[in-house]
Protein backbone atom coordinates (compact mmCIF):
# COMPACT_ATOMS: atom_id res chain seq x y z
CA MET A 1 0.00 0.00 0.00
CA SER A 2 1.37 3.39 -0.88
CA TYR A 3 0.38 6.97 -1.44
CA ALA A 4 -0.60 8.16 -4.89
CA ASP A 5 1.92 10.98 -4.42
CA SER A 6 4.17 10.33 -1.44
CA ASN A 7 6.41 13.36 -1.98
CA ALA A 8 3.89 16.22 -2.07
CA HIS A 9 3.01 16.57 1.60
CA HIS A 10 1.62 19.75 3.06
CA GLU A 11 1.86 20.82 6.65
CA GLU A 12 -0.99 19.76 8.93
CA GLY A 13 -0.95 19.26 12.66
CA SER A 14 -1.77 16.03 14.49
CA TYR A 15 -5.28 15.32 15.62
CA PHE A 16 -4.26 16.54 19.10
CA SER A 17 -3.77 20.06 17.72
CA GLY A 18 -6.42 22.52 18.72
CA PRO A 19 -7.20 26.12 19.58
CA PRO A 20 -5.34 27.85 22.42
CA GLY A 21 -6.95 27.83 25.83
CA MET A 22 -8.14 24.98 28.01
CA LEU A 23 -11.87 25.71 27.67
CA ALA A 24 -11.59 25.96 23.90
CA LYS A 25 -9.80 22.62 23.74
CA ILE A 26 -12.40 20.94 25.96
CA TRP A 27 -15.21 22.32 23.81
CA GLN A 28 -13.45 21.15 20.66
CA TRP A 29 -13.20 17.60 22.02
CA MET A 30 -16.80 17.63 23.24
CA THR A 31 -18.11 18.66 19.82
CA THR A 32 -15.61 16.85 17.60
CA VAL A 33 -16.62 14.53 14.80
CA ASP A 34 -13.05 13.27 14.34
CA HIS A 35 -13.17 9.48 14.74
CA LYS A 36 -9.73 9.48 16.38
CA LYS A 37 -10.75 11.84 19.18
CA ILE A 38 -14.00 9.93 19.67
CA GLY A 39 -11.99 6.68 19.85
CA VAL A 40 -9.67 8.16 22.47
CA MET A 41 -12.62 9.44 24.54
CA TYR A 42 -14.19 5.98 24.33
CA LEU A 43 -10.89 4.42 25.40
CA PHE A 44 -10.55 6.47 28.56
CA ALA A 45 -14.25 6.14 29.49
CA ILE A 46 -14.17 2.39 28.92
CA MET A 47 -11.03 1.99 31.01
CA PHE A 48 -12.68 3.98 33.82
CA MET A 49 -15.63 1.58 33.79
CA PHE A 50 -13.12 -1.29 33.75
CA PHE A 51 -11.66 0.16 36.94
CA ILE A 52 -15.11 0.25 38.63
CA GLY A 53 -15.90 -3.31 37.56
CA GLY A 54 -12.45 -4.47 38.65
CA VAL A 55 -12.82 -2.98 42.13
CA ALA A 56 -16.11 -4.86 42.49
CA ALA A 57 -14.42 -8.08 41.37
CA LEU A 58 -11.64 -7.65 43.94
CA ALA A 59 -14.25 -7.05 46.65
CA VAL A 60 -16.05 -10.27 45.69
CA ARG A 61 -12.81 -12.26 45.72
CA TYR A 62 -11.79 -10.75 49.08
CA GLU A 63 -15.12 -11.79 50.59
CA LEU A 64 -14.56 -15.37 49.41
CA LEU A 65 -11.28 -15.71 51.31
CA ASP A 66 -13.27 -17.18 54.20
CA PRO A 67 -16.02 -19.83 54.04
CA VAL A 68 -18.32 -17.88 56.35
CA ARG A 69 -18.58 -14.20 55.68
CA THR A 70 -17.20 -11.56 57.99
CA VAL A 71 -20.23 -10.22 59.86
CA GLN A 72 -20.42 -6.88 61.63
CA MET A 73 -22.72 -7.11 64.64
CA MET A 74 -23.95 -4.08 66.57
CA ASP A 75 -26.08 -3.70 69.64
CA ALA A 76 -29.39 -1.81 69.69
CA SER A 77 -27.63 1.55 70.08
CA GLY A 78 -25.42 0.83 67.11
CA GLU A 79 -22.26 1.68 69.05
CA GLU A 80 -20.63 -1.61 69.95
CA MET A 81 -19.34 -3.80 67.15
CA THR A 82 -17.94 -7.30 67.10
CA ILE A 83 -16.28 -8.96 64.11
CA VAL A 84 -16.93 -12.67 63.67
CA THR A 85 -14.79 -14.38 61.06
CA GLY A 86 -14.64 -18.04 60.19
CA GLU A 87 -17.15 -19.10 62.85
CA ARG A 88 -20.64 -20.52 62.44
CA LEU A 89 -23.42 -18.02 62.88
CA ALA A 90 -25.78 -18.47 65.78
CA GLY A 91 -28.71 -16.44 67.00
CA LEU A 92 -31.23 -14.12 65.40
CA LYS A 93 -28.91 -11.11 65.48
CA ASP A 94 -26.18 -12.98 63.61
CA ILE A 95 -28.66 -14.29 61.04
CA MET A 96 -30.06 -10.80 60.36
CA ASN A 97 -26.58 -9.34 59.97
CA ALA A 98 -25.63 -12.20 57.66
CA ARG A 99 -28.71 -11.56 55.56
CA SER A 100 -27.80 -7.89 55.21
CA ALA A 101 -24.21 -8.77 54.36
CA ASN A 102 -25.37 -11.28 51.75
CA GLU A 103 -27.42 -8.54 50.10
CA VAL A 104 -24.28 -6.40 49.87
CA TYR A 105 -22.44 -9.35 48.31
CA ASN A 106 -25.24 -9.85 45.78
CA ARG A 107 -25.11 -6.20 44.81
CA MET A 108 -21.34 -6.32 44.45
CA PHE A 109 -21.23 -9.24 42.02
CA THR A 110 -24.19 -7.75 40.12
CA LEU A 111 -22.25 -4.50 39.84
CA HIS A 112 -19.18 -6.38 38.60
CA GLY A 113 -21.11 -8.29 35.95
CA ALA A 114 -23.28 -5.43 34.68
CA VAL A 115 -20.42 -2.93 34.44
CA MET A 116 -17.96 -5.36 32.88
CA VAL A 117 -20.38 -6.72 30.28
CA PHE A 118 -22.47 -3.73 29.20
CA MET A 119 -20.13 -0.81 29.93
CA PHE A 120 -16.69 -2.29 29.32
CA ILE A 121 -16.25 -5.47 27.36
CA VAL A 122 -19.03 -5.04 24.74
CA PRO A 123 -17.82 -1.59 23.58
CA SER A 124 -14.13 -2.14 24.47
CA VAL A 125 -12.51 -3.02 21.15
CA PRO A 126 -15.06 -1.75 18.57
CA ALA A 127 -15.76 1.63 20.17
CA SER A 128 -12.15 2.54 21.03
CA LEU A 129 -9.65 0.81 18.74
CA GLY A 130 -12.30 0.23 16.07
CA ASN A 131 -13.31 3.88 15.99
CA PHE A 132 -9.71 5.03 15.86
CA PHE A 133 -8.32 2.63 13.27
CA LEU A 134 -11.15 1.38 11.05
CA PRO A 135 -11.27 4.54 8.86
CA ILE A 136 -7.46 4.75 8.70
CA MET A 137 -7.10 1.08 7.74
CA LEU A 138 -9.72 1.64 5.04
CA GLY A 139 -7.82 4.67 3.75
CA ALA A 140 -10.71 7.04 4.61
CA LYS A 141 -10.79 10.43 6.28
CA ASP A 142 -13.49 9.41 8.77
CA VAL A 143 -16.36 6.98 9.31
CA ALA A 144 -19.39 7.16 7.02
CA PHE A 145 -21.51 9.12 9.52
CA PRO A 146 -19.25 11.27 11.74
CA ARG A 147 -22.08 13.06 13.59
CA LEU A 148 -23.78 9.76 14.28
CA ASN A 149 -20.48 8.57 15.71
CA LEU A 150 -20.41 11.48 18.16
CA LEU A 151 -24.05 10.77 19.07
CA SER A 152 -23.16 7.15 19.87
CA TRP A 153 -20.47 8.41 22.26
CA TYR A 154 -22.93 10.64 24.12
CA ILE A 155 -25.45 7.82 24.28
CA TYR A 156 -22.75 5.59 25.78
CA VAL A 157 -21.92 8.22 28.40
CA THR A 158 -25.63 8.64 29.21
CA GLY A 159 -26.04 4.90 29.70
CA CYS A 160 -23.01 4.78 31.98
CA LEU A 161 -24.38 7.69 34.03
CA PHE A 162 -27.64 5.81 34.55
CA GLY A 163 -25.65 2.79 35.74
CA VAL A 164 -23.44 4.85 38.05
CA LEU A 165 -26.52 6.59 39.49
CA SER A 166 -28.03 3.20 40.27
CA ILE A 167 -24.78 2.23 42.01
CA LEU A 168 -24.70 5.46 44.05
CA MET A 169 -28.28 4.79 45.17
CA GLY A 170 -27.14 1.46 46.62
CA GLY A 171 -26.85 -0.88 43.65
CA VAL A 172 -29.01 -3.82 42.59
CA ASP A 173 -28.95 -7.49 43.58
CA THR A 174 -30.59 -9.10 40.54
CA GLY A 175 -27.46 -10.47 38.88
CA TRP A 176 -26.16 -8.95 35.63
CA THR A 177 -28.62 -11.03 33.57
CA PHE A 178 -31.64 -9.36 35.29
CA TYR A 179 -33.43 -12.72 35.41
CA THR A 180 -37.08 -12.67 36.34
CA PRO A 181 -38.54 -12.98 38.93
CA TYR A 182 -35.48 -11.49 40.69
CA SER A 183 -35.52 -8.30 38.64
CA THR A 184 -39.30 -7.81 39.07
CA THR A 185 -39.63 -8.59 42.78
CA THR A 186 -36.35 -7.92 44.63
CA ASP A 187 -35.08 -4.71 46.15
CA ALA A 188 -37.38 -2.37 48.06
CA ASP A 189 -36.16 0.68 46.12
CA HIS A 190 -37.24 -0.44 42.67
CA TRP A 191 -35.82 2.66 40.97
CA ARG A 192 -32.30 1.31 41.40
CA VAL A 193 -33.25 -1.75 39.35
CA VAL A 194 -35.06 0.35 36.77
CA LEU A 195 -32.07 2.68 36.38
CA MET A 196 -29.64 -0.21 35.87
CA ILE A 197 -31.95 -1.86 33.33
CA LEU A 198 -32.37 1.46 31.52
CA ALA A 199 -28.58 1.83 31.50
CA ALA A 200 -28.24 -1.42 29.57
CA PHE A 201 -31.15 -0.36 27.32
CA ILE A 202 -29.52 2.98 26.46
CA LEU A 203 -26.09 1.42 25.91
CA GLY A 204 -27.68 -0.85 23.30
CA PHE A 205 -28.46 2.16 21.09
CA SER A 206 -24.80 3.17 21.18
CA SER A 207 -23.87 -0.32 19.94
CA ILE A 208 -26.45 -0.20 17.14
CA LEU A 209 -25.28 3.19 15.86
CA THR A 210 -21.61 2.18 16.02
CA GLY A 211 -22.30 -1.10 14.21
CA MET A 212 -24.32 0.59 11.46
CA ASN A 213 -21.60 3.20 10.99
CA PHE A 214 -18.90 0.56 10.61
CA VAL A 215 -20.89 -1.60 8.16
CA VAL A 216 -21.49 1.36 5.85
CA SER A 217 -17.88 2.52 6.18
CA VAL A 218 -16.50 -0.88 5.18
CA HIS A 219 -18.83 -1.08 2.19
CA LYS A 220 -18.38 2.47 0.91
CA LEU A 221 -15.10 3.99 2.09
CA ARG A 222 -12.39 1.53 1.06
CA ALA A 223 -9.40 3.14 -0.61
CA PRO A 224 -8.81 2.71 -4.37
CA GLY A 225 -7.38 -0.74 -5.03
CA MET A 226 -8.68 -2.22 -1.75
CA GLY A 227 -10.97 -5.14 -2.52
CA TRP A 228 -12.74 -7.20 0.13
CA PHE A 229 -9.77 -9.55 0.41
CA ASP A 230 -7.24 -6.73 0.66
CA MET A 231 -8.68 -5.58 4.00
CA PRO A 232 -6.77 -6.24 7.21
CA LEU A 233 -8.29 -9.05 9.25
CA PHE A 234 -8.98 -6.64 12.09
CA LEU A 235 -11.52 -5.00 9.78
CA TRP A 236 -13.11 -8.37 9.04
CA GLY A 237 -13.52 -8.95 12.77
CA VAL A 238 -15.05 -5.52 13.34
CA TYR A 239 -17.30 -5.93 10.29
CA ALA A 240 -18.69 -9.27 11.51
CA THR A 241 -19.14 -7.74 14.96
CA SER A 242 -21.07 -4.81 13.52
CA ILE A 243 -23.51 -7.15 11.77
CA ILE A 244 -24.26 -8.82 15.11
CA GLN A 245 -24.66 -5.46 16.85
CA VAL A 246 -27.19 -4.24 14.29
CA LEU A 247 -29.24 -7.46 14.20
CA ALA A 248 -29.13 -8.70 17.81
CA THR A 249 -29.10 -5.58 19.98
CA PRO A 250 -32.72 -4.53 19.23
CA VAL A 251 -33.85 -7.82 20.81
CA ILE A 252 -32.32 -7.01 24.18
CA GLY A 253 -33.60 -3.43 23.92
CA ILE A 254 -37.20 -4.57 23.54
CA THR A 255 -36.75 -7.22 26.25
CA LEU A 256 -35.39 -4.76 28.81
CA LEU A 257 -38.13 -2.27 27.96
CA LEU A 258 -40.75 -4.95 28.62
CA LEU A 259 -39.00 -5.71 31.90
CA VAL A 260 -39.23 -2.06 32.95
CA PHE A 261 -42.94 -1.99 32.05
CA GLU A 262 -43.56 -5.08 34.14
CA ARG A 263 -41.62 -3.65 37.07
CA LEU A 264 -43.33 -0.25 37.00
CA PHE A 265 -46.82 -1.01 35.70
CA HIS A 266 -47.25 -4.68 36.72
CA ILE A 267 -47.96 -5.90 33.19
CA GLY A 268 -47.85 -9.70 33.10
CA ILE A 269 -45.14 -10.52 30.57
CA PHE A 270 -42.57 -12.55 32.51
CA ASP A 271 -44.20 -12.89 35.96
CA PRO A 272 -46.15 -16.17 36.19
CA SER A 273 -48.40 -14.76 38.93
CA MET A 274 -49.73 -12.32 36.31
CA GLY A 275 -49.89 -14.80 33.45
CA GLY A 276 -46.31 -14.27 32.23
CA ASP A 277 -43.47 -16.74 31.57
CA PRO A 278 -40.02 -16.24 33.17
CA VAL A 279 -38.42 -18.71 30.73
CA LEU A 280 -39.52 -16.44 27.87
CA TYR A 281 -37.26 -13.76 29.33
CA GLN A 282 -34.36 -16.20 29.33
CA HIS A 283 -34.91 -16.99 25.65
CA PHE A 284 -35.10 -13.30 24.73
CA PHE A 285 -32.07 -12.40 26.84
CA TRP A 286 -29.80 -15.14 25.52
CA PHE A 287 -30.91 -14.70 21.92
CA TYR A 288 -29.07 -11.40 22.24
CA SER A 289 -26.47 -12.25 24.84
CA HIS A 290 -24.94 -15.23 23.13
CA PRO A 291 -24.32 -13.34 19.88
CA VAL A 292 -22.98 -10.50 21.99
CA VAL A 293 -20.31 -12.88 23.29
CA TYR A 294 -18.97 -12.74 19.75
CA VAL A 295 -19.32 -8.96 19.72
CA MET A 296 -16.76 -9.21 22.48
CA ILE A 297 -14.46 -11.81 20.95
CA LEU A 298 -14.56 -11.29 17.15
CA PRO A 299 -12.77 -7.91 17.12
CA ALA A 300 -10.33 -9.36 19.66
CA MET A 301 -9.62 -12.17 17.19
CA GLY A 302 -9.01 -9.51 14.55
CA ILE A 303 -6.44 -7.88 16.83
CA ILE A 304 -4.66 -11.21 17.29
CA SER A 305 -4.43 -11.68 13.52
CA GLU A 306 -2.71 -8.28 13.27
CA LEU A 307 -0.34 -8.93 16.19
CA ILE A 308 0.76 -12.37 15.01
CA ALA A 309 1.29 -11.36 11.38
CA VAL A 310 3.13 -8.10 12.10
CA HIS A 311 5.29 -9.31 14.99
CA SER A 312 6.27 -12.56 13.31
CA ARG A 313 6.90 -10.68 10.02
CA LYS A 314 5.08 -13.33 8.05
CA HIS A 315 2.14 -13.52 5.67
CA ILE A 316 -0.96 -14.66 7.54
CA PHE A 317 -1.72 -18.32 6.89
CA GLY A 318 -5.16 -18.90 5.37
CA TYR A 319 -6.30 -15.28 5.05
CA ARG A 320 -9.62 -16.09 3.39
CA ALA A 321 -10.36 -18.92 5.83
CA ILE A 322 -9.89 -16.54 8.78
CA ALA A 323 -12.02 -13.85 7.11
CA PHE A 324 -14.89 -16.23 6.31
CA SER A 325 -14.63 -17.86 9.75
CA SER A 326 -15.46 -14.46 11.28
CA LEU A 327 -18.66 -14.33 9.25
CA GLY A 328 -19.31 -18.01 10.06
CA ILE A 329 -19.04 -17.37 13.80
CA ALA A 330 -21.38 -14.39 13.45
CA GLY A 331 -23.95 -16.55 11.66
CA VAL A 332 -23.80 -19.52 14.02
CA SER A 333 -23.96 -17.22 17.06
CA PHE A 334 -27.67 -16.63 16.41
CA LEU A 335 -28.49 -20.35 16.57
CA VAL A 336 -27.00 -21.52 19.87
CA TRP A 337 -28.54 -19.34 22.61
CA GLY A 338 -30.37 -22.33 24.10
CA HIS A 339 -27.24 -23.89 25.59
CA HIS A 340 -27.43 -21.31 28.38
CA ILE A 341 -30.75 -22.73 29.56
CA PHE A 342 -30.55 -26.50 29.04
CA THR A 343 -32.10 -27.01 32.47
CA ALA A 344 -35.14 -24.89 31.51
CA MET A 345 -36.14 -26.57 28.24
CA GLY A 346 -37.38 -29.90 26.91
CA GLU A 347 -35.16 -32.81 25.92
CA LEU A 348 -35.56 -32.45 22.12
CA ALA A 349 -34.80 -28.73 22.14
CA ALA A 350 -31.79 -29.34 24.40
CA ILE A 351 -30.43 -32.00 22.02
CA LEU A 352 -30.79 -29.68 19.01
CA PHE A 353 -29.10 -26.75 20.76
CA SER A 354 -26.32 -29.03 21.98
CA GLY A 355 -25.59 -30.17 18.44
CA LEU A 356 -25.67 -26.63 17.06
CA THR A 357 -23.32 -25.43 19.79
CA PHE A 358 -20.56 -27.74 18.61
CA LEU A 359 -20.64 -25.98 15.22
CA VAL A 360 -19.03 -22.91 16.78
CA ALA A 361 -15.87 -24.93 17.38
CA ILE A 362 -15.23 -25.26 13.64
CA PRO A 363 -14.67 -21.61 12.60
CA THR A 364 -12.98 -20.92 15.93
CA ALA A 365 -10.53 -23.80 15.46
CA ILE A 366 -9.78 -22.55 11.93
CA LYS A 367 -8.53 -19.29 13.39
CA VAL A 368 -6.41 -20.92 16.08
CA PHE A 369 -4.74 -23.39 13.71
CA ASN A 370 -4.07 -20.64 11.15
CA TRP A 371 -2.50 -18.41 13.80
CA LEU A 372 -0.21 -21.25 14.89
CA ALA A 373 0.70 -21.94 11.25
CA THR A 374 1.54 -18.25 10.81
CA LEU A 375 3.90 -18.38 13.78
CA TYR A 376 5.65 -21.46 12.37
CA LYS A 377 9.09 -20.40 11.06
CA GLY A 378 8.18 -16.74 11.48
CA SER A 379 10.65 -14.07 12.55
CA ILE A 380 9.01 -13.67 15.97
CA ALA A 381 9.71 -10.48 17.90
CA ILE A 382 9.53 -10.90 21.66
CA ASN A 383 7.76 -7.75 22.74
CA THR A 384 4.63 -6.83 24.70
CA PRO A 385 2.12 -7.14 21.81
CA MET A 386 3.47 -10.57 20.85
CA LEU A 387 3.48 -11.75 24.47
CA TYR A 388 -0.19 -10.81 24.71
CA ALA A 389 -0.89 -12.63 21.44
CA LEU A 390 0.78 -15.78 22.77
CA ALA A 391 -1.08 -15.42 26.07
CA PHE A 392 -4.32 -15.17 24.10
CA LEU A 393 -3.60 -18.43 22.25
CA PHE A 394 -3.10 -20.21 25.57
CA THR A 395 -5.98 -18.76 27.57
CA PHE A 396 -8.55 -18.63 24.77
CA SER A 397 -7.80 -22.23 23.80
CA ILE A 398 -8.49 -23.30 27.38
CA GLY A 399 -11.69 -21.27 27.30
CA GLY A 400 -12.82 -22.90 24.07
CA LEU A 401 -11.98 -26.47 25.08
CA THR A 402 -13.62 -26.14 28.47
CA GLY A 403 -16.79 -25.04 26.69
CA LEU A 404 -17.24 -28.50 25.18
CA PRO A 405 -18.42 -30.10 28.48
CA LEU A 406 -20.94 -27.27 28.81
CA ALA A 407 -22.28 -28.02 25.32
CA THR A 408 -22.67 -31.69 26.26
CA LEU A 409 -25.96 -32.34 28.01
CA ALA A 410 -24.74 -35.07 30.37
CA THR A 411 -21.91 -32.95 31.80
CA ASP A 412 -23.66 -29.59 31.61
CA LEU A 413 -26.38 -30.72 34.01
CA HIS A 414 -23.68 -31.29 36.63
CA LEU A 415 -21.61 -28.19 35.85
CA HIS A 416 -24.49 -25.75 35.32
CA ASP A 417 -24.40 -22.77 37.72
CA THR A 418 -21.11 -23.87 39.27
CA TYR A 419 -17.74 -22.15 39.34
CA TYR A 420 -16.78 -24.18 36.27
CA VAL A 421 -19.04 -21.86 34.25
CA VAL A 422 -17.45 -18.82 35.91
CA ALA A 423 -13.98 -20.06 34.97
CA HIS A 424 -14.98 -20.92 31.38
CA PHE A 425 -16.66 -17.56 30.86
CA HIS A 426 -13.67 -15.62 32.18
CA TYR A 427 -11.19 -17.66 30.13
CA VAL A 428 -13.11 -16.63 27.01
CA MET A 429 -13.94 -13.05 27.99
CA MET A 430 -10.93 -11.92 30.00
CA GLY A 431 -8.46 -14.50 28.73
CA GLY A 432 -9.70 -13.76 25.22
CA THR A 433 -11.11 -10.26 24.81
CA VAL A 434 -9.27 -8.38 27.57
CA VAL A 435 -5.91 -10.01 26.79
CA ALA A 436 -6.30 -9.18 23.09
CA PHE A 437 -7.49 -5.66 23.95
CA MET A 438 -4.36 -5.06 26.01
CA GLY A 439 -2.22 -6.46 23.20
CA GLY A 440 -3.95 -4.14 20.74
CA ILE A 441 -3.43 -1.09 22.96
CA HIS A 442 0.29 -1.83 23.20
CA HIS A 443 0.50 -2.53 19.46
CA TRP A 444 -1.18 0.73 18.41
CA TRP A 445 -0.17 2.95 21.34
CA PRO A 446 2.75 4.54 19.42
CA LYS A 447 0.41 5.37 16.55
CA MET A 448 -2.38 6.74 18.75
CA PHE A 449 -0.26 8.96 20.99
CA GLY A 450 3.04 9.30 19.12
CA LYS A 451 5.06 8.02 22.09
CA MET A 452 6.84 4.74 22.73
CA TYR A 453 6.49 2.98 26.06
CA ASN A 454 8.99 1.11 28.21
CA GLU A 455 9.10 -2.37 26.67
CA LYS A 456 10.42 -4.13 29.76
CA GLY A 457 7.66 -2.58 31.88
CA GLY A 458 5.04 -3.64 29.34
CA MET A 459 6.30 -7.22 29.27
CA LEU A 460 6.42 -7.34 33.09
CA GLY A 461 2.82 -6.19 33.28
CA CYS A 462 1.79 -8.79 30.69
CA ILE A 463 3.50 -11.61 32.59
CA LEU A 464 1.87 -10.55 35.89
CA VAL A 465 -1.59 -10.38 34.28
CA PHE A 466 -1.10 -13.78 32.62
CA VAL A 467 0.16 -15.51 35.77
CA GLY A 468 -2.44 -13.88 38.02
CA PHE A 469 -5.26 -14.67 35.62
CA ASN A 470 -4.45 -18.37 35.44
CA ILE A 471 -4.03 -18.64 39.21
CA THR A 472 -7.37 -16.89 39.72
CA PHE A 473 -9.52 -18.81 37.28
CA PHE A 474 -7.90 -22.20 36.64
CA THR A 475 -8.56 -23.12 40.28
CA GLN A 476 -12.24 -22.37 39.69
CA PHE A 477 -12.51 -25.29 37.27
CA PHE A 478 -11.71 -27.57 40.21
CA LEU A 479 -14.18 -25.71 42.42
CA GLY A 480 -16.91 -26.20 39.84
CA THR A 481 -16.30 -29.89 39.19
CA GLN A 482 -16.39 -30.46 42.96
CA GLY A 483 -19.82 -28.79 43.17
CA MET A 484 -19.14 -25.23 44.35
CA PRO A 485 -22.12 -23.13 43.15
CA ARG A 486 -21.55 -19.64 41.83
CA ARG A 487 -23.12 -16.49 43.30
CA TYR A 488 -22.79 -17.75 46.90
CA ALA A 489 -21.04 -15.74 49.60
CA ASN A 490 -20.77 -18.73 51.97
CA TYR A 491 -19.40 -22.18 51.22
CA VAL A 492 -18.31 -25.35 52.99
CA ASP A 493 -14.83 -25.48 54.50
CA GLU A 494 -13.49 -27.94 51.91
CA PHE A 495 -13.44 -25.19 49.25
CA GLN A 496 -11.48 -22.65 51.29
CA THR A 497 -7.98 -23.43 49.99
CA LEU A 498 -8.99 -23.14 46.34
CA HIS A 499 -10.90 -19.92 47.00
CA GLN A 500 -7.89 -18.44 48.75
CA ILE A 501 -5.59 -19.33 45.85
CA SER A 502 -8.09 -17.73 43.46
CA THR A 503 -8.20 -14.55 45.52
CA TYR A 504 -4.39 -14.30 45.71
CA GLY A 505 -4.30 -14.59 41.93
CA SER A 506 -6.67 -11.62 41.61
CA TRP A 507 -4.18 -9.50 43.53
CA ILE A 508 -1.46 -10.43 41.04
CA ILE A 509 -3.77 -9.34 38.19
CA LEU A 510 -4.24 -6.01 39.97
CA LEU A 511 -0.47 -5.60 40.26
CA GLY A 512 -0.06 -6.30 36.55
CA PHE A 513 -2.60 -3.65 35.55
CA LEU A 514 -1.01 -1.14 37.91
CA VAL A 515 2.32 -1.76 36.16
CA HIS A 516 0.63 -1.12 32.81
CA LEU A 517 -0.93 2.08 34.14
CA GLY A 518 2.49 3.32 35.30
CA VAL A 519 4.06 2.43 31.94
CA PHE A 520 1.38 4.31 29.98
CA ILE A 521 1.56 7.40 32.20
CA ALA A 522 5.35 7.45 31.91
CA SER A 523 5.02 7.09 28.13
CA LEU A 524 2.72 10.10 27.85
CA ILE A 525 4.94 12.23 30.09
CA SER A 526 8.43 11.33 28.95
CA GLY A 527 8.17 8.60 26.32
CA GLU A 528 10.47 8.56 23.31
CA LYS A 529 8.88 9.92 20.13
CA ALA A 530 7.45 7.07 18.07
CA ASP A 531 8.57 6.43 14.51
CA GLN A 532 6.00 6.36 11.75
CA ASN A 533 6.16 2.56 11.54
CA PRO A 534 7.87 1.17 14.67
CA TRP A 535 6.76 -2.45 14.10
CA GLY A 536 7.20 -2.66 10.33
CA GLY A 537 3.51 -3.21 9.55
CA LEU A 538 2.12 -3.04 6.01
CA THR A 539 -1.44 -1.89 6.68
CA LEU A 540 -2.47 1.69 5.96
CA GLU A 541 -2.35 3.02 9.53
CA TRP A 542 1.45 2.65 9.43
CA GLU A 543 1.60 5.05 6.46
CA THR A 544 0.19 7.88 8.55
CA GLU A 545 2.19 10.02 10.92
CA SER A 546 2.48 9.21 14.62
CA PRO A 547 0.07 10.50 15.87
CA PRO A 548 -2.00 10.86 12.69
CA ILE A 549 -2.93 14.23 11.23
CA GLU A 550 -6.52 15.42 11.55
CA HIS A 551 -7.58 14.06 8.15
CA ASN A 552 -5.46 10.91 8.48
CA PHE A 553 -3.64 11.14 5.13
CA HIS A 554 -1.98 13.98 3.26
CA HIS A 555 -3.21 12.41 0.03
CA GLU A 556 -5.62 9.67 -0.88
CA PRO A 557 -3.83 6.35 -0.40
CA VAL A 558 -3.78 3.76 -3.15
CA VAL A 559 -3.52 0.06 -2.32
CA THR A 560 -0.75 -1.68 -4.25
CA HIS A 561 -0.12 -4.76 -2.09
CA GLY A 562 -1.83 -6.89 0.53
CA PRO A 563 -1.87 -6.18 4.26
CA TYR A 564 0.45 -9.09 5.09
CA ASP A 565 2.66 -9.39 1.99
CA PHE A 566 5.88 -9.42 3.98
CA ASP A 567 7.31 -12.03 1.60
CA LYS A 568 6.67 -9.80 -1.45
CA VAL A 569 7.37 -6.21 -0.44
CA VAL A 570 9.77 -6.40 2.51
CA PRO A 571 13.41 -7.00 1.55
CA PRO A 572 15.51 -9.33 3.76
CA GLY A 573 16.98 -7.58 6.76
CA TRP A 574 14.79 -4.49 6.38
CA ASP A 575 14.51 -2.47 9.59
CA PRO A 576 11.24 -0.61 10.32
CA LYS A 577 13.37 2.40 11.27
CA ASP A 578 14.39 2.61 7.62
CA TYR A 579 10.75 3.33 6.66
CA PRO A 580 9.41 3.90 4.03
CA LEU A 581 9.69 0.72 2.05
CA PRO A 582 11.76 0.66 -1.16
CA ALA A 583 9.94 2.13 -4.16
CA ASN A 584 7.86 0.11 -6.59
CA PRO A 585 6.89 -2.82 -4.39
CA SER A 586 5.42 -5.90 -5.96
CA SER A 587 1.78 -5.57 -6.90
CA HIS A 588 -0.78 -7.53 -4.96
CA SER A 589 -3.09 -9.60 -7.12
């Protein structure tokens, strides 16, 4: 890929340039339609919500250090207080305190789930990295509908504010799935539940607008010479994700709206006492929520394709197979929602959903095998992005393989609602999406902010996150197979050792992310200026300046070779610091 006229540049500042004065700069960012600024605002907002959800997770893990919760007991005056830890509760006062404490625990894990799913992991890659890089990788100046993009950002912020307001009012104890009858009967202050449900409802509109914007951009804004199979695989992942967002999100929007109507106006939709059906809610919820799992993981898979190809300096193995597998996963994702509710459906339906669930393994395995084949005999660079890519291959493979017992009826009935499901879900979501997201941030950080980061610090943070993650969640597979149910604050003494190991692992994860935070702050303050193409990538974002100018390119780019044609256009021994590439590279057919 090259510019039509690479020598006739004119001066233009980076996208960070703006008018003098702090208020003027703030107003410019608040009203911008520049996809890069919107992507950066999404990134910081999403990471803030990640912090809130992470604090809740640490609180849940800390509570589970002991088999019987720590209970604060006060006398009638409320002055004296005794702490009872690790002892069996006895007496009415103890039981009432335990009940209150259990409600706090329920609200904490609901907070963790709702924030992490709806406010962090669903928008994480598409809204931040997707917004920033999709137009640049297409060779466009912006997304198809820039004002709609800004609207989606404000809708996201509004949804988060509703969620935070619910938290400040005391939180909800329904679980992040808002299952009925919990979500229609629990909690005396029903407005907290309504606000959290409305938060998820509003956030869905942000997803729909973002997905529609990306679909149109991919169809209409590709640079001259860029056919469908000249696109980077990250764009294929985001494109497949956008299709799911547009088609599936309206289902959850309507479902949550019906839930609010039932809660406020007592309309019998899901409540059996009023003629409703609670299992209907489960079908509606998972018809959206299983496809949305792939909203989380498909763009992450696109990131991994970029990391492995660029940092092993090798043409991606099976490009078309990986591209079509993204669309295949998107298609199959709409057919397998029933495996979440095997215990709530008939035998025939359960058998059909079990069979369909195994189909997901095929396109997923295609990606994993092709990534491994790409690494084979590649010139692998040991750096933070590649370490995260390798960590993804390990953790996501465990997540995928441990899903097979949950798709099998005989084993799922035993493992359903145990910590095995918690471990599997986190190996896919955190071990997959979050690990890839962190790899993508490190890969594109120099391009986004024009600064390099400390490589040793980045690798240390990656190792700590990887080690802590596996200590935290691998032990939960054993907890689940031994019968430890999820969502319980108390448990029998036999599970204490494994719970303690899991909690200690969560502290290592925290340390790893704190290292990353320090590395990024140091990079912004005193980091070395980034080269235009520090990794030697061949996709269009590496032909822009670091950070990019406001309109991305000085001239309209023209595609002359494929995104991973390292064997055709990169001479042996070429150093990315010697960018640009030699003139007249081989044409890509």
